[in-house]
């Protein structure tokens, strides 16, 4: 399992998946320099799946008729842990 942050830049902001201290992964979105936490997951793959299927809890994303999110975490941009 990767121990790096992964990001996906969408039309409404940048989704970030990152490892959390003590285990687990967080999903956040950054828009206009504001960070909004969206949830915590056992795996980064589960978080990426929620983005692609529209189950993030963020209405402006989840209700979009056309989501252009990668279907797989492997297609997200990888970066170093910050």
PDB file of N, CA and C in Angstrom:
ATOM      1  N   UNK A   1       0.847  -1.179   0.000  1.00  0.00           N
ATOM      2  CA  UNK A   1       0.000   0.000   0.000  1.00  0.00           C
ATOM      3  C   UNK A   1       0.897   1.248   0.000  1.00  0.00           C
ATOM      4  N   UNK A   2       0.602   2.233  -0.852  1.00  0.00           N
ATOM      5  CA  UNK A   2       1.460   3.418  -0.921  1.00  0.00           C
ATOM      6  C   UNK A   2       1.389   4.248   0.348  1.00  0.00           C
ATOM      7  N   UNK A   3       2.526   4.813   0.742  1.00  0.00           N
ATOM      8  CA  UNK A   3       2.565   5.726   1.891  1.00  0.00           C
ATOM      9  C   UNK A   3       2.907   7.120   1.382  1.00  0.00           C
ATOM     10  N   UNK A   4       2.090   7.613   0.474  1.00  0.00           N
ATOM     11  CA  UNK A   4       2.299   8.940  -0.080  1.00  0.00           C
ATOM     12  C   UNK A   4       0.944   9.616  -0.211  1.00  0.00           C
ATOM     13  N   UNK A   5       0.971  10.901  -0.423  1.00  0.00           N
ATOM     14  CA  UNK A   5      -0.276  11.581  -0.707  1.00  0.00           C
ATOM     15  C   UNK A   5      -0.606  11.366  -2.178  1.00  0.00           C
ATOM     16  N   UNK A   6      -1.863  11.362  -2.467  1.00  0.00           N
ATOM     17  CA  UNK A   6      -2.335  11.228  -3.839  1.00  0.00           C
ATOM     18  C   UNK A   6      -3.330  12.359  -4.073  1.00  0.00           C
ATOM     19  N   UNK A   7      -3.291  12.957  -5.241  1.00  0.00           N
ATOM     20  CA  UNK A   7      -4.195  14.057  -5.523  1.00  0.00           C
ATOM     21  C   UNK A   7      -4.850  13.908  -6.884  1.00  0.00           C
ATOM     22  N   UNK A   8      -6.007  14.529  -6.992  1.00  0.00           N
ATOM     23  CA  UNK A   8      -6.762  14.569  -8.243  1.00  0.00           C
ATOM     24  C   UNK A   8      -7.358  15.968  -8.351  1.00  0.00           C
ATOM     25  N   UNK A   9      -6.980  16.686  -9.381  1.00  0.00           N
ATOM     26  CA  UNK A   9      -7.473  18.043  -9.593  1.00  0.00           C
ATOM     27  C   UNK A   9      -8.767  17.990 -10.393  1.00  0.00           C
ATOM     28  N   UNK A  10      -9.848  18.456  -9.784  1.00  0.00           N
ATOM     29  CA  UNK A  10     -11.156  18.455 -10.437  1.00  0.00           C
ATOM     30  C   UNK A  10     -11.576  19.891 -10.749  1.00  0.00           C
ATOM     31  N   UNK A  11     -12.740  20.029 -11.342  1.00  0.00           N
ATOM     32  CA  UNK A  11     -13.269  21.349 -11.672  1.00  0.00           C
ATOM     33  C   UNK A  11     -13.643  22.156 -10.432  1.00  0.00           C
ATOM     34  N   UNK A  12     -13.860  21.485  -9.298  1.00  0.00           N
ATOM     35  CA  UNK A  12     -14.287  22.205  -8.086  1.00  0.00           C
ATOM     36  C   UNK A  12     -13.181  22.344  -7.047  1.00  0.00           C
ATOM     37  N   UNK A  13     -12.044  21.742  -7.267  1.00  0.00           N
ATOM     38  CA  UNK A  13     -10.934  21.803  -6.327  1.00  0.00           C
ATOM     39  C   UNK A  13     -10.075  20.552  -6.441  1.00  0.00           C
ATOM     40  N   UNK A  14      -9.074  20.460  -5.592  1.00  0.00           N
ATOM     41  CA  UNK A  14      -8.161  19.318  -5.622  1.00  0.00           C
ATOM     42  C   UNK A  14      -8.468  18.382  -4.462  1.00  0.00           C
ATOM     43  N   UNK A  15      -8.775  17.136  -4.790  1.00  0.00           N
ATOM     44  CA  UNK A  15      -8.980  16.104  -3.782  1.00  0.00           C
ATOM     45  C   UNK A  15      -7.615  15.559  -3.374  1.00  0.00           C
ATOM     46  N   UNK A  16      -7.421  15.358  -2.069  1.00  0.00           N
ATOM     47  CA  UNK A  16      -6.172  14.798  -1.534  1.00  0.00           C
ATOM     48  C   UNK A  16      -6.490  13.589  -0.680  1.00  0.00           C
ATOM     49  N   UNK A  17      -5.721  12.548  -0.860  1.00  0.00           N
ATOM     50  CA  UNK A  17      -5.772  11.379   0.023  1.00  0.00           C
ATOM     51  C   UNK A  17      -4.398  11.291   0.665  1.00  0.00           C
ATOM     52  N   UNK A  18      -4.371  11.225   1.989  1.00  0.00           N
ATOM     53  CA  UNK A  18      -3.075  11.165   2.665  1.00  0.00           C
ATOM     54  C   UNK A  18      -3.129  10.239   3.870  1.00  0.00           C
ATOM     55  N   UNK A  19      -1.987   9.632   4.191  1.00  0.00           N
ATOM     56  CA  UNK A  19      -1.948   8.755   5.364  1.00  0.00           C
ATOM     57  C   UNK A  19      -2.048   9.586   6.639  1.00  0.00           C
ATOM     58  N   UNK A  20      -2.689   9.029   7.638  1.00  0.00           N
ATOM     59  CA  UNK A  20      -2.844   9.695   8.924  1.00  0.00           C
ATOM     60  C   UNK A  20      -1.944   9.029   9.964  1.00  0.00           C
ATOM     61  N   UNK A  21      -1.484   9.815  10.908  1.00  0.00           N
ATOM     62  CA  UNK A  21      -0.699   9.288  12.010  1.00  0.00           C
ATOM     63  C   UNK A  21      -1.548   8.274  12.770  1.00  0.00           C
ATOM     64  N   UNK A  22      -0.991   7.134  13.036  1.00  0.00           N
ATOM     65  CA  UNK A  22      -1.728   6.106  13.760  1.00  0.00           C
ATOM     66  C   UNK A  22      -2.513   5.172  12.855  1.00  0.00           C
ATOM     67  N   UNK A  23      -2.425   5.383  11.551  1.00  0.00           N
ATOM     68  CA  UNK A  23      -3.113   4.498  10.613  1.00  0.00           C
ATOM     69  C   UNK A  23      -4.308   5.148   9.959  1.00  0.00           C
ATOM     70  N   UNK A  24      -4.740   4.558   8.904  1.00  0.00           N
ATOM     71  CA  UNK A  24      -5.880   5.073   8.165  1.00  0.00           C
ATOM     72  C   UNK A  24      -5.477   6.162   7.178  1.00  0.00           C
ATOM     73  N   UNK A  25      -6.450   6.609   6.429  1.00  0.00           N
ATOM     74  CA  UNK A  25      -6.237   7.589   5.367  1.00  0.00           C
ATOM     75  C   UNK A  25      -7.335   8.636   5.424  1.00  0.00           C
ATOM     76  N   UNK A  26      -6.993   9.880   5.113  1.00  0.00           N
ATOM     77  CA  UNK A  26      -8.006  10.927   5.080  1.00  0.00           C
ATOM     78  C   UNK A  26      -8.220  11.395   3.651  1.00  0.00           C
ATOM     79  N   UNK A  27      -9.453  11.804   3.377  1.00  0.00           N
ATOM     80  CA  UNK A  27      -9.820  12.405   2.104  1.00  0.00           C
ATOM     81  C   UNK A  27     -10.202  13.849   2.388  1.00  0.00           C
ATOM     82  N   UNK A  28      -9.597  14.772   1.657  1.00  0.00           N
ATOM     83  CA  UNK A  28      -9.865  16.198   1.818  1.00  0.00           C
ATOM     84  C   UNK A  28     -10.001  16.818   0.442  1.00  0.00           C
ATOM     85  N   UNK A  29     -10.612  18.003   0.397  1.00  0.00           N
ATOM     86  CA  UNK A  29     -10.612  18.778  -0.837  1.00  0.00           C
ATOM     87  C   UNK A  29     -10.082  20.162  -0.505  1.00  0.00           C
ATOM     88  N   UNK A  30      -9.257  20.690  -1.398  1.00  0.00           N
ATOM     89  CA  UNK A  30      -8.698  22.029  -1.246  1.00  0.00           C
ATOM     90  C   UNK A  30      -9.263  22.877  -2.374  1.00  0.00           C
ATOM     91  N   UNK A  31      -9.890  23.974  -1.989  1.00  0.00           N
ATOM     92  CA  UNK A  31     -10.461  24.898  -2.953  1.00  0.00           C
ATOM     93  C   UNK A  31     -10.291  26.306  -2.404  1.00  0.00           C
ATOM     94  N   UNK A  32      -9.780  27.211  -3.216  1.00  0.00           N
ATOM     95  CA  UNK A  32      -9.546  28.597  -2.776  1.00  0.00           C
ATOM     96  C   UNK A  32      -8.746  28.645  -1.477  1.00  0.00           C
ATOM     97  N   UNK A  33      -7.728  27.798  -1.362  1.00  0.00           N
ATOM     98  CA  UNK A  33      -6.842  27.710  -0.203  1.00  0.00           C
ATOM     99  C   UNK A  33      -7.548  27.302   1.082  1.00  0.00           C
ATOM    100  N   UNK A  34      -8.749  26.758   0.978  1.00  0.00           N
ATOM    101  CA  UNK A  34      -9.448  26.215   2.139  1.00  0.00           C
ATOM    102  C   UNK A  34      -9.443  24.699   2.049  1.00  0.00           C
ATOM    103  N   UNK A  35      -9.151  24.050   3.169  1.00  0.00           N
ATOM    104  CA  UNK A  35      -9.139  22.584   3.217  1.00  0.00           C
ATOM    105  C   UNK A  35     -10.410  22.114   3.900  1.00  0.00           C
ATOM    106  N   UNK A  36     -11.136  21.232   3.230  1.00  0.00           N
ATOM    107  CA  UNK A  36     -12.346  20.669   3.809  1.00  0.00           C
ATOM    108  C   UNK A  36     -12.158  19.161   3.962  1.00  0.00           C
ATOM    109  N   UNK A  37     -12.175  18.668   5.201  1.00  0.00           N
ATOM    110  CA  UNK A  37     -12.060  17.220   5.397  1.00  0.00           C
ATOM    111  C   UNK A  37     -13.355  16.536   4.962  1.00  0.00           C
ATOM    112  N   UNK A  38     -13.215  15.408   4.275  1.00  0.00           N
ATOM    113  CA  UNK A  38     -14.384  14.692   3.774  1.00  0.00           C
ATOM    114  C   UNK A  38     -14.577  13.330   4.418  1.00  0.00           C
ATOM    115  N   UNK A  39     -13.535  12.748   4.986  1.00  0.00           N
ATOM    116  CA  UNK A  39     -13.718  11.456   5.626  1.00  0.00           C
ATOM    117  C   UNK A  39     -12.408  10.731   5.880  1.00  0.00           C
ATOM    118  N   UNK A  40     -12.538   9.625   6.620  1.00  0.00           N
ATOM    119  CA  UNK A  40     -11.397   8.779   6.964  1.00  0.00           C
ATOM    120  C   UNK A  40     -11.684   7.365   6.493  1.00  0.00           C
ATOM    121  N   UNK A  41     -10.645   6.703   6.017  1.00  0.00           N
ATOM    122  CA  UNK A  41     -10.794   5.406   5.372  1.00  0.00           C
ATOM    123  C   UNK A  41      -9.726   4.434   5.852  1.00  0.00           C
ATOM    124  N   UNK A  42     -10.017   3.149   5.719  1.00  0.00           N
ATOM    125  CA  UNK A  42      -9.031   2.116   6.036  1.00  0.00           C
ATOM    126  C   UNK A  42      -7.979   2.017   4.943  1.00  0.00           C
ATOM    127  N   UNK A  43      -8.356   2.346   3.697  1.00  0.00           N
ATOM    128  CA  UNK A  43      -7.391   2.271   2.606  1.00  0.00           C
ATOM    129  C   UNK A  43      -7.563   3.466   1.671  1.00  0.00           C
ATOM    130  N   UNK A  44      -6.494   3.869   0.992  1.00  0.00           N
ATOM    131  CA  UNK A  44      -6.600   4.982   0.046  1.00  0.00           C
ATOM    132  C   UNK A  44      -7.454   4.606  -1.164  1.00  0.00           C
ATOM    133  N   UNK A  45      -7.536   3.317  -1.462  1.00  0.00           N
ATOM    134  CA  UNK A  45      -8.342   2.851  -2.587  1.00  0.00           C
ATOM    135  C   UNK A  45      -9.826   3.094  -2.339  1.00  0.00           C
ATOM    136  N   UNK A  46     -10.257   2.923  -1.087  1.00  0.00           N
ATOM    137  CA  UNK A  46     -11.656   3.191  -0.730  1.00  0.00           C
ATOM    138  C   UNK A  46     -11.983   4.675  -0.895  1.00  0.00           C
ATOM    139  N   UNK A  47     -11.062   5.534  -0.498  1.00  0.00           N
ATOM    140  CA  UNK A  47     -11.277   6.976  -0.633  1.00  0.00           C
ATOM    141  C   UNK A  47     -11.382   7.372  -2.110  1.00  0.00           C
ATOM    142  N   UNK A  48     -10.481   6.859  -2.934  1.00  0.00           N
ATOM    143  CA  UNK A  48     -10.512   7.161  -4.370  1.00  0.00           C
ATOM    144  C   UNK A  48     -11.804   6.648  -4.998  1.00  0.00           C
ATOM    145  N   UNK A  49     -12.270   5.497  -4.555  1.00  0.00           N
ATOM    146  CA  UNK A  49     -13.513   4.938  -5.073  1.00  0.00           C
ATOM    147  C   UNK A  49     -14.694   5.855  -4.748  1.00  0.00           C
ATOM    148  N   UNK A  50     -14.726   6.404  -3.532  1.00  0.00           N
ATOM    149  CA  UNK A  50     -15.812   7.319  -3.163  1.00  0.00           C
ATOM    150  C   UNK A  50     -15.809   8.573  -4.031  1.00  0.00           C
ATOM    151  N   UNK A  51     -14.628   9.056  -4.398  1.00  0.00           N
ATOM    152  CA  UNK A  51     -14.560  10.222  -5.285  1.00  0.00           C
ATOM    153  C   UNK A  51     -15.109   9.863  -6.657  1.00  0.00           C
ATOM    154  N   UNK A  52     -14.698   8.740  -7.196  1.00  0.00           N
ATOM    155  CA  UNK A  52     -15.128   8.383  -8.553  1.00  0.00           C
ATOM    156  C   UNK A  52     -16.607   8.005  -8.635  1.00  0.00           C
ATOM    157  N   UNK A  53     -17.168   7.493  -7.543  1.00  0.00           N
ATOM    158  CA  UNK A  53     -18.578   7.094  -7.564  1.00  0.00           C
ATOM    159  C   UNK A  53     -19.513   8.145  -6.977  1.00  0.00           C
ATOM    160  N   UNK A  54     -18.953   9.248  -6.462  1.00  0.00           N
ATOM    161  CA  UNK A  54     -19.795  10.310  -5.925  1.00  0.00           C
ATOM    162  C   UNK A  54     -20.376  10.008  -4.565  1.00  0.00           C
ATOM    163  N   UNK A  55     -19.546   9.458  -3.677  1.00  0.00           N
ATOM    164  CA  UNK A  55     -19.972   9.156  -2.307  1.00  0.00           C
ATOM    165  C   UNK A  55     -19.077   9.830  -1.281  1.00  0.00           C
ATOM    166  N   UNK A  56     -18.699  11.075  -1.551  1.00  0.00           N
ATOM    167  CA  UNK A  56     -17.770  11.793  -0.669  1.00  0.00           C
ATOM    168  C   UNK A  56     -18.467  12.538   0.465  1.00  0.00           C
ATOM    169  N   UNK A  57     -19.774  12.781   0.324  1.00  0.00           N
ATOM    170  CA  UNK A  57     -20.470  13.619   1.288  1.00  0.00           C
ATOM    171  C   UNK A  57     -20.420  15.094   0.900  1.00  0.00           C
ATOM    172  N   UNK A  58     -19.732  15.412  -0.169  1.00  0.00           N
ATOM    173  CA  UNK A  58     -19.643  16.784  -0.675  1.00  0.00           C
ATOM    174  C   UNK A  58     -20.668  16.917  -1.799  1.00  0.00           C
ATOM    175  N   UNK A  59     -21.810  17.526  -1.475  1.00  0.00           N
ATOM    176  CA  UNK A  59     -22.932  17.588  -2.397  1.00  0.00           C
ATOM    177  C   UNK A  59     -22.597  18.141  -3.764  1.00  0.00           C
ATOM    178  N   UNK A  60     -21.792  19.204  -3.800  1.00  0.00           N
ATOM    179  CA  UNK A  60     -21.490  19.812  -5.097  1.00  0.00           C
ATOM    180  C   UNK A  60     -20.703  18.869  -6.009  1.00  0.00           C
ATOM    181  N   UNK A  61     -20.042  17.869  -5.444  1.00  0.00           N
ATOM    182  CA  UNK A  61     -19.355  16.858  -6.255  1.00  0.00           C
ATOM    183  C   UNK A  61     -20.251  15.641  -6.485  1.00  0.00           C
ATOM    184  N   UNK A  62     -20.844  15.145  -5.411  1.00  0.00           N
ATOM    185  CA  UNK A  62     -21.610  13.906  -5.490  1.00  0.00           C
ATOM    186  C   UNK A  62     -22.826  14.024  -6.417  1.00  0.00           C
ATOM    187  N   UNK A  63     -23.430  15.209  -6.499  1.00  0.00           N
ATOM    188  CA  UNK A  63     -24.617  15.398  -7.335  1.00  0.00           C
ATOM    189  C   UNK A  63     -24.289  15.700  -8.797  1.00  0.00           C
ATOM    190  N   UNK A  64     -22.999  15.890  -9.114  1.00  0.00           N
ATOM    191  CA  UNK A  64     -22.623  16.179 -10.504  1.00  0.00           C
ATOM    192  C   UNK A  64     -23.007  15.001 -11.397  1.00  0.00           C
ATOM    193  N   UNK A  65     -23.639  15.315 -12.506  1.00  0.00           N
ATOM    194  CA  UNK A  65     -24.048  14.262 -13.437  1.00  0.00           C
ATOM    195  C   UNK A  65     -22.830  13.606 -14.081  1.00  0.00           C
ATOM    196  N   UNK A  66     -21.817  14.393 -14.361  1.00  0.00           N
ATOM    197  CA  UNK A  66     -20.625  13.859 -15.020  1.00  0.00           C
ATOM    198  C   UNK A  66     -19.402  14.115 -14.150  1.00  0.00           C
ATOM    199  N   UNK A  67     -18.903  13.050 -13.549  1.00  0.00           N
ATOM    200  CA  UNK A  67     -17.697  13.152 -12.732  1.00  0.00           C
ATOM    201  C   UNK A  67     -16.533  12.655 -13.568  1.00  0.00           C
ATOM    202  N   UNK A  68     -15.509  13.442 -13.680  1.00  0.00           N
ATOM    203  CA  UNK A  68     -14.361  13.037 -14.484  1.00  0.00           C
ATOM    204  C   UNK A  68     -13.220  12.574 -13.593  1.00  0.00           C
ATOM    205  N   UNK A  69     -13.557  11.866 -12.538  1.00  0.00           N
ATOM    206  CA  UNK A  69     -12.545  11.360 -11.608  1.00  0.00           C
ATOM    207  C   UNK A  69     -12.007  10.030 -12.103  1.00  0.00           C
ATOM    208  N   UNK A  70     -10.724   9.779 -11.856  1.00  0.00           N
ATOM    209  CA  UNK A  70     -10.158   8.479 -12.234  1.00  0.00           C
ATOM    210  C   UNK A  70     -10.891   7.340 -11.518  1.00  0.00           C
ATOM    211  N   UNK A  71     -11.095   6.260 -12.215  1.00  0.00           N
ATOM    212  CA  UNK A  71     -11.754   5.098 -11.627  1.00  0.00           C
ATOM    213  C   UNK A  71     -10.834   4.334 -10.681  1.00  0.00           C
ATOM    214  N   UNK A  72      -9.524   4.607 -10.761  1.00  0.00           N
ATOM    215  CA  UNK A  72      -8.544   3.874  -9.962  1.00  0.00           C
ATOM    216  C   UNK A  72      -7.567   4.844  -9.297  1.00  0.00           C
ATOM    217  N   UNK A  73      -7.148   4.501  -8.099  1.00  0.00           N
ATOM    218  CA  UNK A  73      -6.147   5.299  -7.391  1.00  0.00           C
ATOM    219  C   UNK A  73      -4.844   5.367  -8.185  1.00  0.00           C
ATOM    220  N   UNK A  74      -4.565   4.349  -8.967  1.00  0.00           N
ATOM    221  CA  UNK A  74      -3.334   4.321  -9.757  1.00  0.00           C
ATOM    222  C   UNK A  74      -3.249   5.490 -10.734  1.00  0.00           C
ATOM    223  N   UNK A  75      -4.384   6.086 -11.070  1.00  0.00           N
ATOM    224  CA  UNK A  75      -4.420   7.203 -12.008  1.00  0.00           C
ATOM    225  C   UNK A  75      -4.317   8.565 -11.328  1.00  0.00           C
ATOM    226  N   UNK A  76      -4.291   8.588  -9.994  1.00  0.00           N
ATOM    227  CA  UNK A  76      -4.137   9.836  -9.260  1.00  0.00           C
ATOM    228  C   UNK A  76      -2.676  10.258  -9.299  1.00  0.00           C
ATOM    229  N   UNK A  77      -2.409  11.540  -9.078  1.00  0.00           N
ATOM    230  CA  UNK A  77      -1.042  12.055  -9.023  1.00  0.00           C
ATOM    231  C   UNK A  77      -0.447  11.721  -7.661  1.00  0.00           C
ATOM    232  N   UNK A  78       0.747  11.144  -7.652  1.00  0.00           N
ATOM    233  CA  UNK A  78       1.415  10.764  -6.410  1.00  0.00           C
ATOM    234  C   UNK A  78       2.359  11.872  -5.970  1.00  0.00           C
ATOM    235  N   UNK A  79       2.504  12.037  -4.660  1.00  0.00           N
ATOM    236  CA  UNK A  79       3.422  13.032  -4.124  1.00  0.00           C
ATOM    237  C   UNK A  79       3.955  12.567  -2.784  1.00  0.00           C
ATOM    238  N   UNK A  80       4.883  13.314  -2.255  1.00  0.00           N
ATOM    239  CA  UNK A  80       5.484  12.974  -0.962  1.00  0.00           C
ATOM    240  C   UNK A  80       4.536  13.304   0.174  1.00  0.00           C
ATOM    241  N   UNK A  81       4.682  12.599   1.280  1.00  0.00           N
ATOM    242  CA  UNK A  81       3.914  12.884   2.477  1.00  0.00           C
ATOM    243  C   UNK A  81       4.321  14.244   3.004  1.00  0.00           C
ATOM    244  N   UNK A  82       3.338  15.057   3.329  1.00  0.00           N
ATOM    245  CA  UNK A  82       3.632  16.392   3.881  1.00  0.00           C
ATOM    246  C   UNK A  82       3.262  16.451   5.340  1.00  0.00           C
TER     247      UNK A  82
END
